[in-house]
N, C-alpha and C. Protein backbone atom coordinates (compact mmCIF):
# COMPACT_ATOMS: atom_id res chain seq x y z
N MET A 1 -25.76 15.87 -141.17
CA MET A 1 -25.38 16.78 -140.12
C MET A 1 -25.11 18.17 -140.71
N THR A 2 -26.09 18.71 -141.30
CA THR A 2 -26.00 20.04 -141.89
C THR A 2 -26.46 21.07 -140.87
N LYS A 3 -25.72 22.15 -140.78
CA LYS A 3 -26.10 23.24 -139.88
C LYS A 3 -26.47 24.43 -140.74
N PHE A 4 -27.62 24.98 -140.48
CA PHE A 4 -28.08 26.15 -141.21
C PHE A 4 -27.79 27.40 -140.40
N MET A 5 -27.19 28.38 -141.05
CA MET A 5 -26.83 29.63 -140.39
C MET A 5 -27.41 30.78 -141.19
N PRO A 6 -27.70 31.88 -140.53
CA PRO A 6 -28.18 33.05 -141.27
C PRO A 6 -27.07 33.58 -142.19
N THR A 7 -27.44 34.28 -143.22
CA THR A 7 -26.45 34.75 -144.20
C THR A 7 -25.50 35.79 -143.63
N ASP A 8 -25.93 36.54 -142.64
CA ASP A 8 -25.05 37.56 -142.06
C ASP A 8 -24.37 37.07 -140.78
N PHE A 9 -24.25 35.79 -140.61
CA PHE A 9 -23.62 35.21 -139.42
C PHE A 9 -22.11 35.47 -139.43
N ARG A 10 -21.58 35.96 -138.31
CA ARG A 10 -20.14 36.17 -138.15
C ARG A 10 -19.70 35.54 -136.84
N LEU A 11 -18.67 34.73 -136.91
CA LEU A 11 -18.12 34.11 -135.72
C LEU A 11 -17.18 35.10 -135.04
N ILE A 12 -17.45 35.38 -133.78
CA ILE A 12 -16.60 36.27 -133.00
C ILE A 12 -16.00 35.47 -131.86
N GLU A 13 -14.69 35.28 -131.92
CA GLU A 13 -14.01 34.52 -130.88
C GLU A 13 -13.78 35.40 -129.66
N ALA A 14 -14.00 34.83 -128.48
CA ALA A 14 -13.82 35.59 -127.24
C ALA A 14 -12.35 35.91 -127.02
N ARG A 15 -11.47 34.98 -127.37
CA ARG A 15 -10.04 35.21 -127.24
C ARG A 15 -9.32 34.41 -128.30
N GLN A 16 -8.13 34.84 -128.63
CA GLN A 16 -7.34 34.16 -129.65
C GLN A 16 -6.76 32.87 -129.08
N PRO A 17 -6.68 31.81 -129.87
CA PRO A 17 -6.06 30.59 -129.38
C PRO A 17 -4.55 30.82 -129.20
N PRO A 18 -3.94 30.13 -128.24
CA PRO A 18 -2.50 30.34 -128.01
C PRO A 18 -1.67 29.86 -129.20
N LEU A 19 -0.58 30.58 -129.47
CA LEU A 19 0.29 30.20 -130.57
C LEU A 19 1.16 29.00 -130.21
N LYS A 20 1.42 28.83 -128.94
CA LYS A 20 2.28 27.74 -128.48
C LYS A 20 1.76 27.25 -127.14
N ASP A 21 1.65 25.94 -126.99
CA ASP A 21 1.22 25.38 -125.72
C ASP A 21 2.19 24.29 -125.28
N GLN A 22 1.84 23.56 -124.24
CA GLN A 22 2.75 22.55 -123.69
C GLN A 22 2.99 21.42 -124.67
N TYR A 23 2.00 21.07 -125.47
CA TYR A 23 2.20 20.01 -126.46
C TYR A 23 3.24 20.41 -127.49
N ASP A 24 3.19 21.65 -127.95
CA ASP A 24 4.18 22.14 -128.92
C ASP A 24 5.58 22.10 -128.33
N GLU A 25 5.70 22.46 -127.05
CA GLU A 25 7.02 22.43 -126.40
C GLU A 25 7.53 21.00 -126.29
N TRP A 26 6.65 20.09 -125.91
CA TRP A 26 7.05 18.69 -125.80
C TRP A 26 7.47 18.14 -127.17
N LEU A 27 6.72 18.46 -128.20
CA LEU A 27 7.04 18.00 -129.55
C LEU A 27 8.39 18.56 -130.01
N ALA A 28 8.67 19.80 -129.69
CA ALA A 28 9.97 20.40 -130.04
C ALA A 28 11.10 19.69 -129.31
N ARG A 29 10.89 19.33 -128.06
CA ARG A 29 11.92 18.60 -127.30
C ARG A 29 12.19 17.24 -127.92
N VAL A 30 11.15 16.53 -128.32
CA VAL A 30 11.32 15.19 -128.91
C VAL A 30 12.06 15.29 -130.24
N ILE A 31 11.70 16.23 -131.07
CA ILE A 31 12.34 16.39 -132.38
C ILE A 31 13.81 16.79 -132.20
N CYS A 32 14.07 17.71 -131.28
CA CYS A 32 15.46 18.13 -131.04
C CYS A 32 16.28 16.97 -130.48
N TYR A 33 15.69 16.14 -129.64
CA TYR A 33 16.39 14.97 -129.12
C TYR A 33 16.73 14.01 -130.25
N ALA A 34 15.81 13.82 -131.17
CA ALA A 34 16.03 12.90 -132.29
C ALA A 34 17.18 13.35 -133.18
N PHE A 35 17.37 14.68 -133.31
CA PHE A 35 18.43 15.21 -134.15
C PHE A 35 19.66 15.66 -133.35
N SER A 36 19.69 15.36 -132.05
CA SER A 36 20.80 15.75 -131.16
C SER A 36 21.09 17.25 -131.23
N VAL A 37 20.03 18.02 -131.15
CA VAL A 37 20.12 19.48 -131.20
C VAL A 37 19.59 20.02 -129.88
N PRO A 38 20.23 21.04 -129.30
CA PRO A 38 19.69 21.60 -128.05
C PRO A 38 18.31 22.23 -128.29
N ALA A 39 17.39 21.96 -127.39
CA ALA A 39 16.02 22.43 -127.56
C ALA A 39 15.79 23.77 -126.89
N SER A 40 16.82 24.38 -126.35
CA SER A 40 16.64 25.60 -125.58
C SER A 40 16.05 26.75 -126.40
N ALA A 41 16.24 26.75 -127.69
CA ALA A 41 15.67 27.82 -128.51
C ALA A 41 14.17 27.66 -128.74
N PHE A 42 13.66 26.46 -128.53
CA PHE A 42 12.26 26.17 -128.85
C PHE A 42 11.37 25.99 -127.64
N VAL A 43 11.93 25.97 -126.46
CA VAL A 43 11.14 25.74 -125.25
C VAL A 43 11.18 26.97 -124.37
N SER A 44 10.37 26.95 -123.30
CA SER A 44 10.33 28.10 -122.41
C SER A 44 11.70 28.36 -121.81
N GLN A 45 11.91 29.56 -121.39
CA GLN A 45 13.23 30.01 -120.98
C GLN A 45 13.80 29.20 -119.82
N VAL A 46 15.10 29.01 -119.86
CA VAL A 46 15.83 28.41 -118.77
C VAL A 46 16.92 29.40 -118.36
N ASN A 47 17.46 29.21 -117.17
CA ASN A 47 18.49 30.16 -116.75
C ASN A 47 19.79 29.90 -117.50
N ARG A 48 20.74 30.78 -117.38
CA ARG A 48 21.97 30.72 -118.17
C ARG A 48 22.79 29.48 -117.87
N ALA A 49 22.87 29.06 -116.61
CA ALA A 49 23.67 27.89 -116.24
C ALA A 49 23.09 26.63 -116.87
N THR A 50 21.80 26.49 -116.84
CA THR A 50 21.16 25.32 -117.43
C THR A 50 21.33 25.33 -118.94
N SER A 51 21.19 26.48 -119.54
CA SER A 51 21.36 26.60 -120.98
C SER A 51 22.77 26.24 -121.41
N GLU A 52 23.76 26.71 -120.66
CA GLU A 52 25.16 26.39 -120.98
C GLU A 52 25.42 24.89 -120.85
N ARG A 53 24.87 24.29 -119.80
CA ARG A 53 25.06 22.84 -119.59
C ARG A 53 24.41 22.05 -120.72
N LEU A 54 23.23 22.45 -121.15
CA LEU A 54 22.55 21.77 -122.25
C LEU A 54 23.31 21.91 -123.56
N ARG A 55 23.88 23.09 -123.79
CA ARG A 55 24.66 23.31 -125.01
C ARG A 55 25.91 22.43 -125.03
N LEU A 56 26.60 22.36 -123.90
CA LEU A 56 27.79 21.51 -123.82
C LEU A 56 27.44 20.04 -123.98
N GLN A 57 26.34 19.63 -123.39
CA GLN A 57 25.90 18.24 -123.50
C GLN A 57 25.57 17.90 -124.95
N ALA A 58 24.93 18.80 -125.65
CA ALA A 58 24.56 18.55 -127.04
C ALA A 58 25.80 18.47 -127.94
N THR A 59 26.81 19.27 -127.66
CA THR A 59 28.02 19.22 -128.48
C THR A 59 28.86 17.98 -128.20
N GLN A 60 28.75 17.43 -126.99
CA GLN A 60 29.52 16.25 -126.64
C GLN A 60 28.90 14.96 -127.17
N GLU A 61 27.58 14.97 -127.35
CA GLU A 61 26.92 13.76 -127.84
C GLU A 61 27.28 13.52 -129.29
N GLU A 62 27.49 12.25 -129.61
CA GLU A 62 27.80 11.89 -130.99
C GLU A 62 26.51 11.74 -131.77
N PRO A 63 26.40 12.29 -132.96
CA PRO A 63 25.15 12.16 -133.72
C PRO A 63 24.87 10.71 -134.11
N CYS A 64 23.59 10.38 -134.22
CA CYS A 64 23.17 9.03 -134.62
C CYS A 64 23.54 8.79 -136.08
N ARG A 65 23.90 7.58 -136.39
CA ARG A 65 24.25 7.22 -137.77
C ARG A 65 23.39 6.11 -138.25
């Protein structure tokens, strides 16, 4: 499966790939859950009330041993 290209071939991307997508956000949530850390810093923005509730919930949870 060899592809032959001309020597002056240059790949020009139409647009840049996204730096963060929904999979990255989901993965950050899972990892933060595993370490009992609030995920609000790694996921899309939430309003202040939700953020405060998540922070309090994270501090009240006992870490896994």
